[in-house]
């Protein structure tokens, strides 16, 4: 995002969203220029606020129970282009500029399993060895 987001706007966004009883909301990231769906992760109020404030996407890691700044260990950063939410205000769509691969498996996106011709298939190759990303 090129325009800074004010605290008043962040407060308005947070008041509009419906978080789960655990204080989370699902967030789908989409490559802004191609429309490719990259991944789904969770956000809480702190990660939403940080993302809007900094323009760098920050999620909530349920496994680590802490903020997860996308790319902090792998270098595969997501920069926010547009922040959207759905008609029920319970799901986010983050249009991003993905730098590198989005998936921790080293694939460009996390949606690489598909049912095709009645079979489960992997439809995307590993682009970067995960050991290189997190080694």
N, C-alpha and C. Protein backbone atom coordinates (compact mmCIF):
# COMPACT_ATOMS: atom_id res chain seq x y z
N UNK A 1 0.84 -1.17 0.00
CA UNK A 1 0.00 0.00 0.00
C UNK A 1 0.89 1.23 0.00
N UNK A 2 0.55 2.15 -0.83
CA UNK A 2 1.36 3.34 -0.96
C UNK A 2 0.97 4.43 0.03
N UNK A 3 -0.27 4.41 0.50
CA UNK A 3 -0.76 5.44 1.40
C UNK A 3 -0.75 4.93 2.83
N UNK A 4 -0.14 5.67 3.75
CA UNK A 4 -0.15 5.24 5.15
C UNK A 4 -1.58 5.16 5.69
N UNK A 5 -1.83 4.20 6.56
CA UNK A 5 -3.14 4.01 7.15
C UNK A 5 -3.12 4.60 8.56
N UNK A 6 -4.07 5.47 8.84
CA UNK A 6 -4.12 6.14 10.14
C UNK A 6 -4.62 5.18 11.22
N UNK A 7 -4.32 5.50 12.47
CA UNK A 7 -4.82 4.70 13.59
C UNK A 7 -6.34 4.71 13.62
N UNK A 8 -6.96 5.82 13.25
CA UNK A 8 -8.42 5.90 13.22
C UNK A 8 -9.00 4.93 12.20
N UNK A 9 -8.37 4.82 11.05
CA UNK A 9 -8.83 3.88 10.02
C UNK A 9 -8.62 2.44 10.49
N UNK A 10 -7.48 2.17 11.10
CA UNK A 10 -7.21 0.83 11.62
C UNK A 10 -8.27 0.46 12.65
N UNK A 11 -8.60 1.38 13.55
CA UNK A 11 -9.64 1.12 14.55
C UNK A 11 -10.98 0.84 13.89
N UNK A 12 -11.29 1.57 12.84
CA UNK A 12 -12.56 1.36 12.12
C UNK A 12 -12.59 -0.02 11.46
N UNK A 13 -11.48 -0.41 10.84
CA UNK A 13 -11.40 -1.74 10.23
C UNK A 13 -11.59 -2.82 11.28
N UNK A 14 -10.84 -2.72 12.38
CA UNK A 14 -10.92 -3.73 13.45
C UNK A 14 -12.33 -3.84 14.02
N UNK A 15 -13.00 -2.72 14.15
CA UNK A 15 -14.38 -2.73 14.67
C UNK A 15 -15.35 -3.36 13.69
N UNK A 16 -15.01 -3.36 12.41
CA UNK A 16 -15.88 -3.92 11.37
C UNK A 16 -15.76 -5.43 11.24
N UNK A 17 -14.63 -5.99 11.65
CA UNK A 17 -14.35 -7.40 11.42
C UNK A 17 -14.94 -8.29 12.51
N UNK A 18 -15.29 -9.52 12.13
CA UNK A 18 -15.82 -10.51 13.06
C UNK A 18 -14.76 -11.59 13.26
N UNK A 19 -14.15 -11.57 14.42
CA UNK A 19 -13.13 -12.54 14.77
C UNK A 19 -13.78 -13.76 15.44
N UNK A 20 -13.11 -14.91 15.36
CA UNK A 20 -13.61 -16.12 16.02
C UNK A 20 -13.54 -15.94 17.53
N UNK A 21 -14.08 -16.91 18.26
CA UNK A 21 -14.00 -16.85 19.73
C UNK A 21 -12.56 -16.89 20.21
N UNK A 22 -11.64 -17.39 19.37
CA UNK A 22 -10.21 -17.40 19.70
C UNK A 22 -9.53 -16.09 19.32
N UNK A 23 -10.30 -15.13 18.78
CA UNK A 23 -9.74 -13.84 18.40
C UNK A 23 -9.03 -13.85 17.06
N UNK A 24 -9.39 -14.80 16.19
CA UNK A 24 -8.72 -14.94 14.90
C UNK A 24 -9.70 -14.72 13.75
N UNK A 25 -9.13 -14.44 12.57
CA UNK A 25 -9.90 -14.31 11.35
C UNK A 25 -9.06 -14.91 10.22
N UNK A 26 -9.67 -15.73 9.35
CA UNK A 26 -8.90 -16.31 8.23
C UNK A 26 -8.56 -15.23 7.20
N UNK A 27 -7.36 -15.36 6.66
CA UNK A 27 -6.88 -14.40 5.65
C UNK A 27 -6.31 -15.17 4.47
N UNK A 28 -6.87 -14.91 3.31
CA UNK A 28 -6.39 -15.51 2.06
C UNK A 28 -5.52 -14.47 1.37
N UNK A 29 -4.33 -14.87 0.97
CA UNK A 29 -3.48 -13.93 0.22
C UNK A 29 -3.53 -14.28 -1.26
N UNK A 30 -3.55 -13.22 -2.06
CA UNK A 30 -3.68 -13.33 -3.51
C UNK A 30 -2.65 -12.41 -4.15
N UNK A 31 -1.94 -12.92 -5.15
CA UNK A 31 -1.00 -12.08 -5.89
C UNK A 31 -1.79 -10.98 -6.60
N UNK A 32 -1.44 -9.73 -6.33
CA UNK A 32 -2.25 -8.60 -6.78
C UNK A 32 -2.36 -8.48 -8.29
N UNK A 33 -1.33 -8.84 -9.04
CA UNK A 33 -1.35 -8.60 -10.49
C UNK A 33 -1.79 -9.80 -11.31
N UNK A 34 -1.69 -11.00 -10.76
CA UNK A 34 -2.07 -12.20 -11.52
C UNK A 34 -3.37 -12.83 -11.03
N UNK A 35 -3.75 -12.52 -9.78
CA UNK A 35 -4.94 -13.13 -9.20
C UNK A 35 -4.69 -14.50 -8.59
N UNK A 36 -3.46 -14.99 -8.67
CA UNK A 36 -3.13 -16.31 -8.11
C UNK A 36 -3.36 -16.32 -6.60
N UNK A 37 -4.07 -17.34 -6.12
CA UNK A 37 -4.26 -17.52 -4.68
C UNK A 37 -2.98 -18.16 -4.15
N UNK A 38 -2.39 -17.54 -3.14
CA UNK A 38 -1.09 -17.98 -2.64
C UNK A 38 -1.19 -18.86 -1.40
N UNK A 39 -1.95 -18.44 -0.41
CA UNK A 39 -1.99 -19.15 0.85
C UNK A 39 -3.16 -18.68 1.69
N UNK A 40 -3.42 -19.40 2.77
CA UNK A 40 -4.38 -19.00 3.77
C UNK A 40 -3.67 -19.08 5.11
N UNK A 41 -3.89 -18.08 5.94
CA UNK A 41 -3.32 -18.07 7.29
C UNK A 41 -4.30 -17.33 8.19
N UNK A 42 -3.95 -17.20 9.43
CA UNK A 42 -4.82 -16.55 10.41
C UNK A 42 -4.24 -15.21 10.84
N UNK A 43 -5.11 -14.29 11.17
CA UNK A 43 -4.70 -13.00 11.71
C UNK A 43 -5.49 -12.72 12.98
N UNK A 44 -4.90 -11.91 13.85
CA UNK A 44 -5.61 -11.40 15.02
C UNK A 44 -5.59 -9.87 14.94
N UNK A 45 -6.10 -9.20 15.95
CA UNK A 45 -6.17 -7.74 15.87
C UNK A 45 -4.78 -7.12 15.75
N UNK A 46 -3.80 -7.67 16.46
CA UNK A 46 -2.45 -7.11 16.40
C UNK A 46 -1.83 -7.28 15.01
N UNK A 47 -2.03 -8.44 14.40
CA UNK A 47 -1.43 -8.66 13.07
C UNK A 47 -2.14 -7.84 12.00
N UNK A 48 -3.46 -7.67 12.13
CA UNK A 48 -4.17 -6.80 11.19
C UNK A 48 -3.64 -5.38 11.30
N UNK A 49 -3.55 -4.89 12.54
CA UNK A 49 -3.07 -3.52 12.76
C UNK A 49 -1.65 -3.33 12.23
N UNK A 50 -0.77 -4.28 12.52
CA UNK A 50 0.62 -4.16 12.05
C UNK A 50 0.69 -4.18 10.53
N UNK A 51 -0.08 -5.06 9.91
CA UNK A 51 -0.09 -5.15 8.45
C UNK A 51 -0.54 -3.83 7.84
N UNK A 52 -1.61 -3.26 8.36
CA UNK A 52 -2.11 -1.99 7.83
C UNK A 52 -1.14 -0.84 8.11
N UNK A 53 -0.51 -0.88 9.26
CA UNK A 53 0.41 0.19 9.64
C UNK A 53 1.70 0.17 8.83
N UNK A 54 2.25 -1.04 8.59
CA UNK A 54 3.57 -1.15 7.96
C UNK A 54 3.53 -1.46 6.47
N UNK A 55 2.44 -2.09 6.00
CA UNK A 55 2.38 -2.51 4.61
C UNK A 55 3.06 -3.84 4.35
N UNK A 56 3.65 -4.43 5.37
CA UNK A 56 4.25 -5.77 5.27
C UNK A 56 3.31 -6.73 5.99
N UNK A 57 2.95 -7.82 5.32
CA UNK A 57 1.94 -8.71 5.87
C UNK A 57 2.48 -9.46 7.09
N UNK A 58 1.65 -9.44 8.12
CA UNK A 58 1.95 -10.10 9.39
C UNK A 58 0.74 -10.97 9.74
N UNK A 59 0.99 -12.23 10.07
CA UNK A 59 -0.07 -13.16 10.44
C UNK A 59 0.08 -13.53 11.92
N UNK A 60 -0.85 -14.36 12.40
CA UNK A 60 -0.75 -14.95 13.73
C UNK A 60 -0.45 -16.43 13.56
N UNK A 61 0.64 -16.88 14.14
CA UNK A 61 1.00 -18.29 14.07
C UNK A 61 0.30 -19.03 15.21
N UNK A 62 -0.63 -19.91 14.87
CA UNK A 62 -1.32 -20.69 15.89
C UNK A 62 -0.39 -21.69 16.54
N UNK A 63 0.54 -22.26 15.79
CA UNK A 63 1.45 -23.26 16.36
C UNK A 63 2.47 -22.64 17.29
N UNK A 64 2.94 -21.45 16.95
CA UNK A 64 3.95 -20.78 17.78
C UNK A 64 3.35 -19.78 18.77
N UNK A 65 2.06 -19.47 18.58
CA UNK A 65 1.35 -18.52 19.44
C UNK A 65 2.07 -17.17 19.51
N UNK A 66 2.41 -16.67 18.32
CA UNK A 66 3.04 -15.35 18.25
C UNK A 66 2.83 -14.77 16.86
N UNK A 67 3.11 -13.47 16.74
CA UNK A 67 3.02 -12.82 15.44
C UNK A 67 4.03 -13.45 14.49
N UNK A 68 3.62 -13.60 13.24
CA UNK A 68 4.44 -14.21 12.21
C UNK A 68 4.53 -13.22 11.06
N UNK A 69 5.64 -12.54 10.98
CA UNK A 69 5.88 -11.58 9.90
C UNK A 69 6.36 -12.37 8.70
N UNK A 70 5.48 -12.47 7.70
CA UNK A 70 5.76 -13.32 6.54
C UNK A 70 7.13 -12.99 5.96
N UNK A 71 7.98 -14.00 5.89
CA UNK A 71 9.32 -13.84 5.34
C UNK A 71 10.39 -13.53 6.35
N UNK A 72 10.04 -13.46 7.64
CA UNK A 72 11.05 -13.07 8.64
C UNK A 72 12.19 -14.07 8.74
N UNK A 73 11.93 -15.35 8.48
CA UNK A 73 13.02 -16.32 8.51
C UNK A 73 13.42 -16.80 7.11
N UNK A 74 12.49 -16.73 6.14
CA UNK A 74 12.78 -17.25 4.80
C UNK A 74 13.16 -16.17 3.80
N UNK A 75 12.81 -14.93 4.10
CA UNK A 75 13.04 -13.85 3.14
C UNK A 75 11.95 -13.73 2.09
N UNK A 76 10.94 -14.59 2.15
CA UNK A 76 9.85 -14.61 1.16
C UNK A 76 8.72 -13.69 1.63
N UNK A 77 8.92 -12.41 1.52
CA UNK A 77 8.06 -11.37 2.10
C UNK A 77 6.81 -11.15 1.26
N UNK A 78 5.73 -10.77 1.93
CA UNK A 78 4.51 -10.32 1.25
C UNK A 78 4.30 -8.85 1.60
N UNK A 79 4.23 -8.01 0.59
CA UNK A 79 3.92 -6.60 0.78
C UNK A 79 2.46 -6.37 0.39
N UNK A 80 1.74 -5.70 1.27
CA UNK A 80 0.31 -5.49 1.06
C UNK A 80 0.06 -4.46 -0.03
N UNK A 81 -0.83 -4.79 -0.95
CA UNK A 81 -1.28 -3.86 -1.98
C UNK A 81 -2.69 -3.37 -1.68
N UNK A 82 -3.55 -4.29 -1.20
CA UNK A 82 -4.91 -3.90 -0.85
C UNK A 82 -5.44 -4.87 0.20
N UNK A 83 -6.19 -4.32 1.16
CA UNK A 83 -6.76 -5.08 2.27
C UNK A 83 -8.27 -5.10 2.09
N UNK A 84 -8.85 -6.29 1.94
CA UNK A 84 -10.29 -6.43 1.72
C UNK A 84 -10.89 -7.40 2.73
N UNK A 85 -12.20 -7.29 2.92
CA UNK A 85 -12.92 -8.30 3.69
C UNK A 85 -14.25 -8.57 3.01
N UNK A 86 -14.83 -9.74 3.34
CA UNK A 86 -16.03 -10.20 2.65
C UNK A 86 -17.29 -9.59 3.26
N UNK A 87 -18.44 -9.92 2.64
CA UNK A 87 -19.73 -9.36 3.03
C UNK A 87 -20.13 -9.71 4.46
N UNK A 88 -19.65 -10.84 4.98
CA UNK A 88 -19.94 -11.23 6.36
C UNK A 88 -18.91 -10.70 7.35
N UNK A 89 -17.87 -10.07 6.84
CA UNK A 89 -16.78 -9.49 7.65
C UNK A 89 -16.05 -10.54 8.47
N UNK A 90 -16.07 -11.81 7.98
CA UNK A 90 -15.40 -12.87 8.74
C UNK A 90 -14.27 -13.55 7.98
N UNK A 91 -13.89 -13.01 6.83
CA UNK A 91 -12.77 -13.53 6.05
C UNK A 91 -12.08 -12.36 5.35
N UNK A 92 -10.75 -12.39 5.38
CA UNK A 92 -9.96 -11.34 4.74
C UNK A 92 -9.39 -11.81 3.42
N UNK A 93 -9.23 -10.87 2.50
CA UNK A 93 -8.51 -11.10 1.25
C UNK A 93 -7.41 -10.06 1.19
N UNK A 94 -6.17 -10.53 1.22
CA UNK A 94 -5.02 -9.65 1.16
C UNK A 94 -4.43 -9.73 -0.24
N UNK A 95 -4.51 -8.64 -0.97
CA UNK A 95 -3.85 -8.59 -2.27
C UNK A 95 -2.42 -8.13 -2.00
N UNK A 96 -1.47 -8.96 -2.42
CA UNK A 96 -0.08 -8.76 -2.02
C UNK A 96 0.85 -8.79 -3.22
N UNK A 97 2.05 -8.32 -2.98
CA UNK A 97 3.16 -8.51 -3.90
C UNK A 97 4.07 -9.53 -3.20
N UNK A 98 3.99 -10.78 -3.66
CA UNK A 98 4.77 -11.86 -3.07
C UNK A 98 6.19 -11.81 -3.61
N UNK A 99 7.15 -11.78 -2.70
CA UNK A 99 8.56 -11.79 -3.09
C UNK A 99 9.09 -13.20 -2.81
N UNK A 100 9.32 -13.95 -3.88
CA UNK A 100 9.74 -15.34 -3.74
C UNK A 100 8.54 -16.26 -3.66
N UNK A 101 8.75 -17.45 -3.07
CA UNK A 101 7.67 -18.43 -2.96
C UNK A 101 6.83 -18.13 -1.72
N UNK A 102 5.56 -18.52 -1.76
CA UNK A 102 4.67 -18.27 -0.63
C UNK A 102 4.60 -19.44 0.34
N UNK A 103 4.84 -20.64 -0.15
CA UNK A 103 4.65 -21.84 0.67
C UNK A 103 5.95 -22.30 1.33
N UNK A 104 5.82 -22.75 2.58
CA UNK A 104 6.99 -23.23 3.31
C UNK A 104 7.57 -24.51 2.70
N UNK A 105 6.83 -25.14 1.77
CA UNK A 105 7.34 -26.32 1.08
C UNK A 105 8.25 -25.96 -0.09
N UNK A 106 8.38 -24.65 -0.36
CA UNK A 106 9.21 -24.19 -1.47
C UNK A 106 8.46 -24.07 -2.78
N UNK A 107 7.14 -24.21 -2.72
CA UNK A 107 6.32 -24.03 -3.92
C UNK A 107 5.81 -22.60 -3.98
N UNK A 108 5.41 -22.18 -5.17
CA UNK A 108 4.98 -20.80 -5.35
C UNK A 108 3.73 -20.48 -4.54
N UNK A 109 2.80 -21.44 -4.41
CA UNK A 109 1.64 -21.23 -3.55
C UNK A 109 1.37 -22.51 -2.76
N UNK A 110 0.49 -22.41 -1.79
CA UNK A 110 0.21 -23.53 -0.89
C UNK A 110 -0.85 -24.49 -1.42
N UNK A 111 -1.46 -24.17 -2.54
CA UNK A 111 -2.55 -24.98 -3.08
C UNK A 111 -2.05 -25.83 -4.24
N UNK A 112 -1.25 -26.85 -3.89
CA UNK A 112 -0.62 -27.66 -4.92
C UNK A 112 -1.15 -29.09 -4.98
N UNK A 113 -2.19 -29.39 -4.20
CA UNK A 113 -2.88 -30.67 -4.32
C UNK A 113 -4.18 -30.44 -5.06
N UNK A 114 -4.54 -31.37 -5.95
CA UNK A 114 -5.79 -31.26 -6.70
C UNK A 114 -6.32 -32.66 -6.99
N UNK A 115 -7.62 -32.75 -7.13
CA UNK A 115 -8.23 -33.97 -7.62
C UNK A 115 -8.46 -33.77 -9.11
N UNK A 116 -7.74 -34.56 -9.89
CA UNK A 116 -7.84 -34.51 -11.35
C UNK A 116 -7.97 -35.93 -11.87
N UNK A 117 -8.86 -36.10 -12.80
CA UNK A 117 -9.08 -37.42 -13.39
C UNK A 117 -9.35 -38.47 -12.31
N UNK A 118 -10.07 -38.05 -11.25
CA UNK A 118 -10.44 -38.98 -10.19
C UNK A 118 -9.32 -39.35 -9.24
N UNK A 119 -8.19 -38.68 -9.33
CA UNK A 119 -7.02 -38.99 -8.51
C UNK A 119 -6.49 -37.73 -7.82
N UNK A 120 -5.88 -37.93 -6.65
CA UNK A 120 -5.18 -36.82 -6.00
C UNK A 120 -3.83 -36.66 -6.67
N UNK A 121 -3.53 -35.44 -7.08
CA UNK A 121 -2.26 -35.16 -7.76
C UNK A 121 -1.60 -33.94 -7.16
N UNK A 122 -0.27 -33.94 -7.17
CA UNK A 122 0.50 -32.73 -6.87
C UNK A 122 0.67 -32.00 -8.19
N UNK A 123 0.25 -30.73 -8.23
CA UNK A 123 0.22 -30.01 -9.50
C UNK A 123 1.28 -28.90 -9.60
N UNK A 124 2.14 -28.82 -8.59
CA UNK A 124 3.21 -27.81 -8.64
C UNK A 124 4.50 -28.41 -8.09
N UNK A 125 5.57 -28.08 -8.75
CA UNK A 125 6.89 -28.56 -8.33
C UNK A 125 7.48 -27.64 -7.26
N UNK A 126 8.38 -28.20 -6.47
CA UNK A 126 9.15 -27.41 -5.51
C UNK A 126 10.08 -26.51 -6.30
N UNK A 127 10.05 -25.22 -6.01
CA UNK A 127 10.92 -24.25 -6.70
C UNK A 127 12.21 -23.99 -5.92
N UNK A 128 12.10 -24.05 -4.60
CA UNK A 128 13.26 -23.81 -3.73
C UNK A 128 13.23 -24.85 -2.62
N UNK A 129 14.36 -25.50 -2.39
CA UNK A 129 14.46 -26.49 -1.31
C UNK A 129 14.16 -25.79 0.02
N UNK A 130 13.21 -26.32 0.81
CA UNK A 130 12.89 -25.68 2.09
C UNK A 130 14.11 -25.53 3.02
N UNK A 131 15.09 -26.44 2.90
CA UNK A 131 16.30 -26.30 3.70
C UNK A 131 17.07 -25.03 3.36
N UNK A 132 16.97 -24.59 2.10
CA UNK A 132 17.61 -23.33 1.70
C UNK A 132 16.84 -22.13 2.28
N UNK A 133 15.52 -22.28 2.39
CA UNK A 133 14.69 -21.20 2.93
C UNK A 133 14.87 -21.04 4.44
N UNK A 134 14.94 -22.16 5.14
CA UNK A 134 14.90 -22.11 6.60
C UNK A 134 16.14 -22.68 7.25
N UNK A 135 17.10 -23.16 6.42
CA UNK A 135 18.30 -23.85 6.90
C UNK A 135 19.07 -23.12 7.89
